[in-house]
Structures are given as structure tokens and as C-alpha cells.
Amino acid sequence: MTFTTCPVLSQSKQPNLEIKVHFDESGDDLTYAEKTVIQQVISSQAKEAAAILEKLPASVIIRVQIIDRDLQTVDGVTGWTNEHDPIGRIVVLISKVYPGGPLQAAKDGMKTLIFHEFHHLTRGWSIKQNEYAQGIDNALINEGLAVVFAEEYTGIHHEVNAYPEEAQEWVEEILELPKDANYSHWVSGEHPDGRKFIGYRTGNYVIRKAMKRSGKSVLELSELSPSEIFEMAGYS
């Protein structure tokens, strides 16, 4: 099933932006009404993000999957950006075991996810057609920018993205890593020593440090390269 909405928002920085929402076979247990509500939630959050961000693709395809994973730490929704150019492609995973089911998960968690992934679209940070060189340092900056952008513009903060007191030491560790260091260990998953989501959490720390030292907003920092942002945060 595919839903399409176009244009997204007359006040958008890209008024002709087209959003297409697809449900794969995992959503077959949802009713048409439930899918319609989820599509409306996605469309509404996309409108808000598009009113803030520039450099979005002309069209964004959002593929929705319903999963049985516990995603309560992120309010029931997670996902990733597959491609950003010339068509943006985002995968959204909605938990069916979230309290209240996938409909409640979409209402609770979709805003943060959409803002986060739309920021990736504007930065060119995606699984395919990625514009950045390999390295956990680049991942740290790009994920940190998306985390801070979502927090600043939605007012929603997730503990899994919060940086610890030892964040400075974590950053120093990352800056010493080889370019081919394990992405899952250092960014998106669990490190062998038990730490989780290190890249997201240290990214939050570095971006906020750069904002404080430079006086620039997260949107202003988003126009800069990772090396420039590291320098503004006080790292040579």
C-alpha cells in the first residue's frame, strides 16, 4: 500500500517536496484506517522538518516495516536513511510490541525519527551514496548533528543518546581509531566492553561543545565539515 502527499507544505523551504509512504508485507495486519493514521503522522512530521531544513531531495520515499522488537527506549520507532540523492529513501521500523501497539508507537516516536533522518538527508549521510569518508569520527559528527537537531526542534530527549561524564575520554578514544574500526561496536550497537551507541552519545557531546564554544546553532554547524566542527569543539 502506498500513500502520497504532495506538496508537503506551502511554507516549506522546498514547497514541491513529495513524500511517499509505503508499507511492506509486515504491515498486512494493520487496518487501512491504522495505516492512514500512521501515514498522516509521518506526513505531519515531514512537514515540520521540511519547514526548517534546506537541501532536501525533491522526493522522499519512506518504507514502513512493523517489527516485534522492543523499542521503548526510543518511543517505539527507529530507522535509517538508505539514500539521499536524487531521491531520499528512509526505512522506518515501528514496534508492534510497544505499549498501545504500532499506532501509539507512531504517535510517540515518529517525530524524533523523522527529524533525525531528514537531517541525514540534508547532510548526505546515508548507507548508499554516502558523501563522507569512512571513519567513526565522521559518523560521530553526522549522528551527533542529527541527534542535536532532533532534540532542539522537537524538545524530545532520549536517554540512549545522552552523553556520560566520561564522554571526553570516549571522544579521544574515537579520534585514535583506525578508519576501518567496527561501526556497530562504536556507533550503532554495543561495544564488546558493554557500552552502547557510543557514536550517538559522543556525537551529542561534541556538537553541543562546538555550539557552546562557537555560539553557532546546530543548523549553522550543519553547513560545516566534520573537521571544522571538531576544531570548533576544541579538538585539533
Protein backbone atom coordinates (compact mmCIF):
# COMPACT_ATOMS: atom_id res chain seq x y z
CA MET A 1 0.00 0.00 0.00
CA THR A 2 1.33 3.43 -0.93
CA PHE A 3 0.24 6.83 0.29
CA THR A 4 1.38 10.00 -1.44
CA THR A 5 1.18 13.60 -0.31
CA CYS A 6 2.36 16.50 -2.47
CA PRO A 7 3.21 19.27 -1.92
CA VAL A 8 4.30 18.83 1.66
CA LEU A 9 3.92 22.37 2.91
CA SER A 10 3.33 25.72 1.24
CA GLN A 11 5.69 27.35 3.75
CA SER A 12 8.37 24.68 3.28
CA LYS A 13 11.83 25.67 2.12
CA GLN A 14 11.06 23.18 -0.68
CA PRO A 15 7.32 23.64 -1.38
CA ASN A 16 7.18 20.92 -4.05
CA LEU A 17 8.69 18.22 -1.86
CA GLU A 18 6.87 14.93 -2.39
CA ILE A 19 6.55 12.34 0.37
CA LYS A 20 5.58 8.76 -0.46
CA VAL A 21 4.84 6.27 2.34
CA HIS A 22 4.99 2.53 1.57
CA PHE A 23 4.01 -0.30 3.94
CA ASP A 24 5.71 -3.62 3.28
CA GLU A 25 4.16 -7.03 3.96
CA SER A 26 4.94 -6.76 7.68
CA GLY A 27 2.12 -4.23 7.89
CA ASP A 28 -0.53 -6.58 6.49
CA ASP A 29 -2.11 -6.99 9.93
CA LEU A 30 -2.80 -3.26 10.13
CA THR A 31 -6.18 -1.99 9.01
CA TYR A 32 -6.48 0.62 6.29
CA ALA A 33 -7.53 3.13 8.95
CA GLU A 34 -4.43 2.38 11.05
CA LYS A 35 -2.17 2.77 8.04
CA THR A 36 -3.87 6.03 7.20
CA VAL A 37 -3.21 7.39 10.69
CA ILE A 38 0.44 6.34 10.55
CA GLN A 39 0.79 7.97 7.14
CA GLN A 40 -0.76 11.15 8.49
CA VAL A 41 1.65 11.17 11.43
CA ILE A 42 4.63 10.74 9.09
CA SER A 43 3.34 13.44 6.75
CA SER A 44 2.78 15.87 9.60
CA GLN A 45 6.31 15.41 10.97
CA ALA A 46 7.79 15.62 7.49
CA LYS A 47 6.03 18.96 7.00
CA GLU A 48 7.56 20.33 10.18
CA ALA A 49 11.06 19.13 9.31
CA ALA A 50 10.81 20.43 5.73
CA ALA A 51 9.86 23.86 7.04
CA ILE A 52 13.25 24.04 8.79
CA LEU A 53 15.72 22.14 6.63
CA GLU A 54 17.16 23.01 3.25
CA LYS A 55 18.81 20.80 0.62
CA LEU A 56 16.26 18.01 0.89
CA PRO A 57 15.71 15.79 -2.17
CA ALA A 58 12.72 16.67 -4.34
CA SER A 59 11.10 13.38 -3.38
CA VAL A 60 11.36 11.21 -0.26
CA ILE A 61 10.19 7.59 -0.12
CA ILE A 62 9.54 6.27 3.38
CA ARG A 63 9.24 2.49 3.69
CA VAL A 64 7.44 1.36 6.86
CA GLN A 65 8.07 -2.01 8.49
CA ILE A 66 6.25 -3.36 11.56
CA ILE A 67 8.56 -5.36 13.83
CA ASP A 68 8.28 -7.24 17.11
CA ARG A 69 11.36 -5.66 18.72
CA ASP A 70 11.13 -3.75 22.00
CA LEU A 71 11.88 -0.12 21.11
CA GLN A 72 10.65 1.59 24.26
CA THR A 73 13.97 3.41 24.72
CA VAL A 74 13.18 5.39 21.55
CA ASP A 75 9.39 5.58 22.00
CA GLY A 76 8.65 2.68 19.68
CA VAL A 77 10.21 3.87 16.41
CA THR A 78 13.65 3.60 14.82
CA GLY A 79 15.06 3.55 11.30
CA TRP A 80 17.79 4.66 8.92
CA THR A 81 18.46 6.62 5.74
CA ASN A 82 19.22 4.41 2.74
CA GLU A 83 19.79 7.02 0.04
CA HIS A 84 19.63 10.78 -0.26
CA ASP A 85 20.21 11.64 -3.93
CA PRO A 86 18.37 12.16 -6.18
CA ILE A 87 15.51 10.55 -4.25
CA GLY A 88 15.63 10.29 -0.47
CA ARG A 89 14.85 6.83 0.87
CA ILE A 90 14.21 6.18 4.56
CA VAL A 91 13.32 2.93 6.30
CA VAL A 92 11.08 3.32 9.37
CA LEU A 93 10.67 0.46 11.86
CA ILE A 94 7.64 0.59 14.16
CA SER A 95 7.35 -1.77 17.14
CA LYS A 96 4.15 -3.79 17.41
CA VAL A 97 5.03 -4.79 21.00
CA TYR A 98 5.23 -1.16 22.14
CA PRO A 99 2.57 -0.35 24.78
CA GLY A 100 -0.52 0.59 22.79
CA GLY A 101 0.76 -1.10 19.65
CA PRO A 102 2.23 0.36 16.43
CA LEU A 103 -0.31 3.18 16.25
CA GLN A 104 0.74 4.50 19.65
CA ALA A 105 4.39 3.97 18.78
CA ALA A 106 3.99 6.09 15.66
CA LYS A 107 2.32 8.85 17.64
CA ASP A 108 5.01 8.78 20.35
CA GLY A 109 8.20 8.14 18.43
CA MET A 110 7.81 9.25 14.82
CA LYS A 111 8.68 12.91 15.27
CA THR A 112 12.18 12.34 16.60
CA LEU A 113 12.88 9.70 13.96
CA ILE A 114 11.71 11.84 11.03
CA PHE A 115 13.63 14.91 12.19
CA HIS A 116 16.75 12.80 12.72
CA GLU A 117 16.59 11.08 9.34
CA PHE A 118 15.61 14.23 7.43
CA HIS A 119 18.74 15.84 8.83
CA HIS A 120 20.74 12.94 7.39
CA LEU A 121 19.14 13.61 4.00
CA THR A 122 20.36 17.21 4.05
CA ARG A 123 23.89 16.17 5.08
CA GLY A 124 24.26 13.34 2.58
CA TRP A 125 24.80 10.86 5.43
CA SER A 126 23.25 7.64 4.17
CA ILE A 127 24.00 3.96 3.72
CA LYS A 128 24.23 4.32 -0.07
CA GLN A 129 25.71 7.35 -1.87
CA ASN A 130 27.31 8.46 1.38
CA GLU A 131 29.24 11.70 0.90
CA TYR A 132 31.67 11.17 3.77
CA ALA A 133 34.88 9.22 4.09
CA GLN A 134 34.98 6.06 6.15
CA GLY A 135 35.68 6.57 9.83
CA ILE A 136 33.98 6.63 13.21
CA ASP A 137 34.97 10.30 13.59
CA ASN A 138 32.77 11.26 10.63
CA ALA A 139 29.96 9.08 11.95
CA LEU A 140 30.24 10.75 15.36
CA ILE A 141 29.76 14.22 13.85
CA ASN A 142 26.93 13.32 11.48
CA GLU A 143 24.97 11.30 14.02
CA GLY A 144 25.61 13.96 16.66
CA LEU A 145 24.25 16.69 14.41
CA ALA A 146 21.09 14.67 13.74
CA VAL A 147 20.62 13.88 17.45
CA VAL A 148 21.03 17.52 18.49
CA PHE A 149 18.85 18.82 15.65
CA ALA A 150 16.04 16.45 16.64
CA GLU A 151 16.38 17.34 20.33
CA GLU A 152 16.50 21.08 19.69
CA TYR A 153 13.49 21.17 17.36
CA THR A 154 11.24 18.54 18.93
CA GLY A 155 12.09 19.04 22.60
CA ILE A 156 12.32 15.26 22.96
CA HIS A 157 15.40 13.72 24.58
CA HIS A 158 16.15 10.00 24.75
CA GLU A 159 18.43 8.60 27.43
CA VAL A 160 20.14 6.35 24.87
CA ASN A 161 21.57 9.50 23.23
CA ALA A 162 22.69 11.17 26.46
CA TYR A 163 26.43 11.53 26.93
CA PRO A 164 28.12 10.36 30.15
CA GLU A 165 30.60 12.17 32.37
CA GLU A 166 33.44 10.33 30.64
CA ALA A 167 32.38 11.50 27.16
CA GLN A 168 35.63 13.42 26.70
CA GLU A 169 37.62 10.20 27.13
CA TRP A 170 35.33 8.43 24.67
CA VAL A 171 35.95 11.11 22.04
CA GLU A 172 39.69 10.79 22.50
CA GLU A 173 39.37 7.04 22.01
CA ILE A 174 37.46 7.54 18.77
CA LEU A 175 39.98 10.01 17.38
CA GLU A 176 42.67 7.34 17.78
CA LEU A 177 40.72 4.63 15.98
CA PRO A 178 41.71 3.28 12.56
CA LYS A 179 39.43 4.29 9.69
CA ASP A 180 38.07 0.75 9.38
CA ALA A 181 37.03 0.41 13.05
CA ASN A 182 33.85 -1.63 13.59
CA TYR A 183 30.84 0.62 13.03
CA SER A 184 28.45 -1.48 15.11
CA HIS A 185 30.81 -1.52 18.09
CA TRP A 186 31.48 2.21 18.04
CA VAL A 187 28.29 3.80 16.69
CA SER A 188 25.08 1.88 16.22
CA GLY A 189 25.36 -1.10 18.52
CA GLU A 190 27.10 -2.48 21.58
CA HIS A 191 30.83 -2.32 22.19
CA PRO A 192 32.50 -5.54 23.46
CA ASP A 193 33.07 -3.75 26.80
CA GLY A 194 29.31 -3.21 27.24
CA ARG A 195 28.99 0.42 26.18
CA LYS A 196 26.13 1.12 23.74
CA PHE A 197 25.58 3.70 21.00
CA ILE A 198 28.93 5.37 21.66
CA GLY A 199 28.90 7.37 18.43
CA TYR A 200 25.47 8.87 19.04
CA ARG A 201 26.27 9.80 22.63
CA THR A 202 29.72 11.24 21.98
CA GLY A 203 28.36 12.98 18.89
CA ASN A 204 25.78 14.74 21.07
CA TYR A 205 28.62 15.79 23.38
CA VAL A 206 30.89 17.14 20.63
CA ILE A 207 28.14 19.05 18.82
CA ARG A 208 26.92 20.72 21.99
CA LYS A 209 30.51 21.56 22.92
CA ALA A 210 31.04 23.13 19.48
CA MET A 211 27.79 25.09 19.81
CA LYS A 212 28.82 26.44 23.19
CA ARG A 213 32.36 27.40 22.13
CA SER A 214 31.39 28.93 18.77
CA GLY A 215 27.99 30.42 19.54
CA LYS A 216 26.66 28.76 16.39
CA SER A 217 23.34 26.91 16.15
CA VAL A 218 23.06 23.28 15.14
CA LEU A 219 21.82 24.39 11.71
CA GLU A 220 24.86 26.62 11.26
CA LEU A 221 27.16 23.77 12.28
CA SER A 222 25.35 21.53 9.82
CA GLU A 223 26.85 23.59 6.98
CA LEU A 224 30.38 22.70 8.08
CA SER A 225 32.66 19.71 7.58
CA PRO A 226 33.39 17.23 10.38
CA SER A 227 36.95 18.56 10.71
CA GLU A 228 35.69 22.14 11.10
CA ILE A 229 33.22 21.06 13.76
CA PHE A 230 35.88 19.13 15.66
CA GLU A 231 38.07 22.24 15.59
CA MET A 232 35.24 24.41 16.91
CA ALA A 233 34.74 21.90 19.73
CA GLY A 234 38.41 22.26 20.67
CA TYR A 235 39.94 19.20 19.00
CA SER A 236 42.93 19.60 16.71
